[in-house]
Amino acid sequence: MLTQHSVMSVGVDGIVTRNLGDFALAKLPVYSPCELESLLNAKRT
């Protein structure tokens, strides 16, 4: 999976996508935009 190797090489913490199925085998956390928004809002409180 080229995208996964690319993002891992630059040190990202996860992937944000509307197409979660394409990343079912990803070794990084994969979030929908809504999931990431919820996580970020939870960290602010």
PDB file of N, CA and C in Angstrom:
ATOM      1  N   MET A   1       0.855  -1.163   0.000  1.00  0.00           N
ATOM      2  CA  MET A   1       0.000   0.000   0.000  1.00  0.00           C
ATOM      3  C   MET A   1       0.908   1.234   0.000  1.00  0.00           C
ATOM      4  N   LEU A   2       1.025   1.869  -1.139  1.00  0.00           N
ATOM      5  CA  LEU A   2       1.946   2.982  -1.326  1.00  0.00           C
ATOM      6  C   LEU A   2       1.632   4.161  -0.413  1.00  0.00           C
ATOM      7  N   THR A   3       0.372   4.515  -0.274  1.00  0.00           N
ATOM      8  CA  THR A   3       0.010   5.660   0.567  1.00  0.00           C
ATOM      9  C   THR A   3       0.454   5.436   1.999  1.00  0.00           C
ATOM     10  N   GLN A   4       0.212   4.249   2.519  1.00  0.00           N
ATOM     11  CA  GLN A   4       0.587   3.954   3.899  1.00  0.00           C
ATOM     12  C   GLN A   4       2.090   4.085   4.094  1.00  0.00           C
ATOM     13  N   HIS A   5       2.879   3.560   3.177  1.00  0.00           N
ATOM     14  CA  HIS A   5       4.334   3.672   3.300  1.00  0.00           C
ATOM     15  C   HIS A   5       4.782   5.128   3.212  1.00  0.00           C
ATOM     16  N   SER A   6       4.133   5.894   2.375  1.00  0.00           N
ATOM     17  CA  SER A   6       4.477   7.308   2.234  1.00  0.00           C
ATOM     18  C   SER A   6       4.209   8.066   3.521  1.00  0.00           C
ATOM     19  N   VAL A   7       3.028   7.872   4.101  1.00  0.00           N
ATOM     20  CA  VAL A   7       2.701   8.624   5.316  1.00  0.00           C
ATOM     21  C   VAL A   7       3.539   8.166   6.497  1.00  0.00           C
ATOM     22  N   MET A   8       3.873   6.900   6.550  1.00  0.00           N
ATOM     23  CA  MET A   8       4.707   6.420   7.652  1.00  0.00           C
ATOM     24  C   MET A   8       6.116   7.002   7.551  1.00  0.00           C
ATOM     25  N   SER A   9       6.602   7.221   6.341  1.00  0.00           N
ATOM     26  CA  SER A   9       7.959   7.728   6.177  1.00  0.00           C
ATOM     27  C   SER A   9       8.094   9.177   6.616  1.00  0.00           C
ATOM     28  N   VAL A  10       6.996   9.925   6.678  1.00  0.00           N
ATOM     29  CA  VAL A  10       7.062  11.313   7.118  1.00  0.00           C
ATOM     30  C   VAL A  10       6.568  11.488   8.548  1.00  0.00           C
ATOM     31  N   GLY A  11       6.192  10.409   9.205  1.00  0.00           N
ATOM     32  CA  GLY A  11       5.882  10.444  10.628  1.00  0.00           C
ATOM     33  C   GLY A  11       4.483  10.887  11.008  1.00  0.00           C
ATOM     34  N   VAL A  12       3.504  10.659  10.172  1.00  0.00           N
ATOM     35  CA  VAL A  12       2.136  11.023  10.553  1.00  0.00           C
ATOM     36  C   VAL A  12       1.588  10.021  11.569  1.00  0.00           C
ATOM     37  N   ASP A  13       0.552  10.426  12.294  1.00  0.00           N
ATOM     38  CA  ASP A  13      -0.032   9.586  13.337  1.00  0.00           C
ATOM     39  C   ASP A  13      -1.211   8.759  12.851  1.00  0.00           C
ATOM     40  N   GLY A  14      -1.803   9.122  11.725  1.00  0.00           N
ATOM     41  CA  GLY A  14      -2.962   8.408  11.223  1.00  0.00           C
ATOM     42  C   GLY A  14      -3.374   8.931   9.866  1.00  0.00           C
ATOM     43  N   ILE A  15      -4.423   8.340   9.344  1.00  0.00           N
ATOM     44  CA  ILE A  15      -4.948   8.689   8.027  1.00  0.00           C
ATOM     45  C   ILE A  15      -6.388   9.140   8.194  1.00  0.00           C
ATOM     46  N   VAL A  16      -6.758  10.224   7.528  1.00  0.00           N
ATOM     47  CA  VAL A  16      -8.137  10.710   7.521  1.00  0.00           C
ATOM     48  C   VAL A  16      -8.670  10.541   6.104  1.00  0.00           C
ATOM     49  N   THR A  17      -9.791   9.840   5.983  1.00  0.00           N
ATOM     50  CA  THR A  17     -10.357   9.568   4.673  1.00  0.00           C
ATOM     51  C   THR A  17     -11.855   9.346   4.781  1.00  0.00           C
ATOM     52  N   ARG A  18     -12.555   9.605   3.690  1.00  0.00           N
ATOM     53  CA  ARG A  18     -13.978   9.263   3.635  1.00  0.00           C
ATOM     54  C   ARG A  18     -14.162   7.851   3.102  1.00  0.00           C
ATOM     55  N   ASN A  19     -13.083   7.220   2.687  1.00  0.00           N
ATOM     56  CA  ASN A  19     -13.151   5.893   2.097  1.00  0.00           C
ATOM     57  C   ASN A  19     -12.417   4.894   2.999  1.00  0.00           C
ATOM     58  N   LEU A  20     -13.002   4.611   4.155  1.00  0.00           N
ATOM     59  CA  LEU A  20     -12.358   3.760   5.161  1.00  0.00           C
ATOM     60  C   LEU A  20     -12.042   2.362   4.641  1.00  0.00           C
ATOM     61  N   GLY A  21     -12.869   1.842   3.759  1.00  0.00           N
ATOM     62  CA  GLY A  21     -12.667   0.495   3.239  1.00  0.00           C
ATOM     63  C   GLY A  21     -11.357   0.312   2.509  1.00  0.00           C
ATOM     64  N   ASP A  22     -10.861   1.377   1.896  1.00  0.00           N
ATOM     65  CA  ASP A  22      -9.584   1.283   1.182  1.00  0.00           C
ATOM     66  C   ASP A  22      -8.402   1.119   2.119  1.00  0.00           C
ATOM     67  N   PHE A  23      -8.606   1.364   3.395  1.00  0.00           N
ATOM     68  CA  PHE A  23      -7.515   1.301   4.360  1.00  0.00           C
ATOM     69  C   PHE A  23      -7.770   0.238   5.435  1.00  0.00           C
ATOM     70  N   ALA A  24      -8.554  -0.769   5.100  1.00  0.00           N
ATOM     71  CA  ALA A  24      -8.920  -1.814   6.064  1.00  0.00           C
ATOM     72  C   ALA A  24      -7.697  -2.538   6.621  1.00  0.00           C
ATOM     73  N   LEU A  25      -6.635  -2.642   5.852  1.00  0.00           N
ATOM     74  CA  LEU A  25      -5.437  -3.360   6.295  1.00  0.00           C
ATOM     75  C   LEU A  25      -4.333  -2.430   6.785  1.00  0.00           C
ATOM     76  N   ALA A  26      -4.636  -1.172   6.938  1.00  0.00           N
ATOM     77  CA  ALA A  26      -3.626  -0.191   7.350  1.00  0.00           C
ATOM     78  C   ALA A  26      -3.103  -0.478   8.747  1.00  0.00           C
ATOM     79  N   LYS A  27      -1.836  -0.223   8.943  1.00  0.00           N
ATOM     80  CA  LYS A  27      -1.217  -0.399  10.252  1.00  0.00           C
ATOM     81  C   LYS A  27      -1.329   0.863  11.095  1.00  0.00           C
ATOM     82  N   LEU A  28      -1.681   1.963  10.472  1.00  0.00           N
ATOM     83  CA  LEU A  28      -1.912   3.226  11.165  1.00  0.00           C
ATOM     84  C   LEU A  28      -3.390   3.359  11.499  1.00  0.00           C
ATOM     85  N   PRO A  29      -3.739   4.162  12.484  1.00  0.00           N
ATOM     86  CA  PRO A  29      -5.151   4.437  12.728  1.00  0.00           C
ATOM     87  C   PRO A  29      -5.761   5.149  11.521  1.00  0.00           C
ATOM     88  N   VAL A  30      -6.987   4.783  11.197  1.00  0.00           N
ATOM     89  CA  VAL A  30      -7.698   5.395  10.077  1.00  0.00           C
ATOM     90  C   VAL A  30      -8.988   5.990  10.613  1.00  0.00           C
ATOM     91  N   TYR A  31      -9.225   7.262  10.305  1.00  0.00           N
ATOM     92  CA  TYR A  31     -10.379   7.981  10.820  1.00  0.00           C
ATOM     93  C   TYR A  31     -11.193   8.575   9.685  1.00  0.00           C
ATOM     94  N   SER A  32     -12.492   8.615   9.881  1.00  0.00           N
ATOM     95  CA  SER A  32     -13.331   9.416   8.993  1.00  0.00           C
ATOM     96  C   SER A  32     -13.181  10.862   9.452  1.00  0.00           C
ATOM     97  N   PRO A  33     -13.515  11.829   8.612  1.00  0.00           N
ATOM     98  CA  PRO A  33     -13.429  13.223   9.047  1.00  0.00           C
ATOM     99  C   PRO A  33     -14.244  13.488  10.317  1.00  0.00           C
ATOM    100  N   CYS A  34     -15.416  12.892  10.426  1.00  0.00           N
ATOM    101  CA  CYS A  34     -16.255  13.095  11.619  1.00  0.00           C
ATOM    102  C   CYS A  34     -15.607  12.501  12.867  1.00  0.00           C
ATOM    103  N   GLU A  35     -15.002  11.323  12.724  1.00  0.00           N
ATOM    104  CA  GLU A  35     -14.319  10.708  13.861  1.00  0.00           C
ATOM    105  C   GLU A  35     -13.166  11.578  14.345  1.00  0.00           C
ATOM    106  N   LEU A  36     -12.385  12.103  13.409  1.00  0.00           N
ATOM    107  CA  LEU A  36     -11.263  12.947  13.799  1.00  0.00           C
ATOM    108  C   LEU A  36     -11.752  14.221  14.472  1.00  0.00           C
ATOM    109  N   GLU A  37     -12.789  14.811  13.944  1.00  0.00           N
ATOM    110  CA  GLU A  37     -13.345  16.014  14.562  1.00  0.00           C
ATOM    111  C   GLU A  37     -13.779  15.733  15.996  1.00  0.00           C
ATOM    112  N   SER A  38     -14.437  14.602  16.218  1.00  0.00           N
ATOM    113  CA  SER A  38     -14.869  14.230  17.567  1.00  0.00           C
ATOM    114  C   SER A  38     -13.678  14.035  18.499  1.00  0.00           C
ATOM    115  N   LEU A  39     -12.631  13.375  18.011  1.00  0.00           N
ATOM    116  CA  LEU A  39     -11.436  13.166  18.832  1.00  0.00           C
ATOM    117  C   LEU A  39     -10.775  14.487  19.199  1.00  0.00           C
ATOM    118  N   LEU A  40     -10.673  15.373  18.237  1.00  0.00           N
ATOM    119  CA  LEU A  40     -10.037  16.667  18.505  1.00  0.00           C
ATOM    120  C   LEU A  40     -10.868  17.500  19.469  1.00  0.00           C
ATOM    121  N   ASN A  41     -12.189  17.474  19.316  1.00  0.00           N
ATOM    122  CA  ASN A  41     -13.058  18.212  20.233  1.00  0.00           C
ATOM    123  C   ASN A  41     -12.972  17.644  21.635  1.00  0.00           C
ATOM    124  N   ALA A  42     -12.873  16.335  21.784  1.00  0.00           N
ATOM    125  CA  ALA A  42     -12.771  15.701  23.099  1.00  0.00           C
ATOM    126  C   ALA A  42     -11.475  16.089  23.795  1.00  0.00           C
ATOM    127  N   LYS A  43     -10.402  16.264  23.024  1.00  0.00           N
ATOM    128  CA  LYS A  43      -9.110  16.641  23.624  1.00  0.00           C
ATOM    129  C   LYS A  43      -9.101  18.083  24.092  1.00  0.00           C
ATOM    130  N   ARG A  44      -9.965  18.916  23.532  1.00  0.00           N
ATOM    131  CA  ARG A  44     -10.016  20.324  23.918  1.00  0.00           C
ATOM    132  C   ARG A  44     -10.722  20.525  25.249  1.00  0.00           C
ATOM    133  N   THR A  45     -11.574  19.583  25.623  1.00  0.00           N
ATOM    134  CA  THR A  45     -12.362  19.755  26.853  1.00  0.00           C
ATOM    135  C   THR A  45     -11.701  19.060  28.020  1.00  0.00           C
TER     136      THR A  45
END
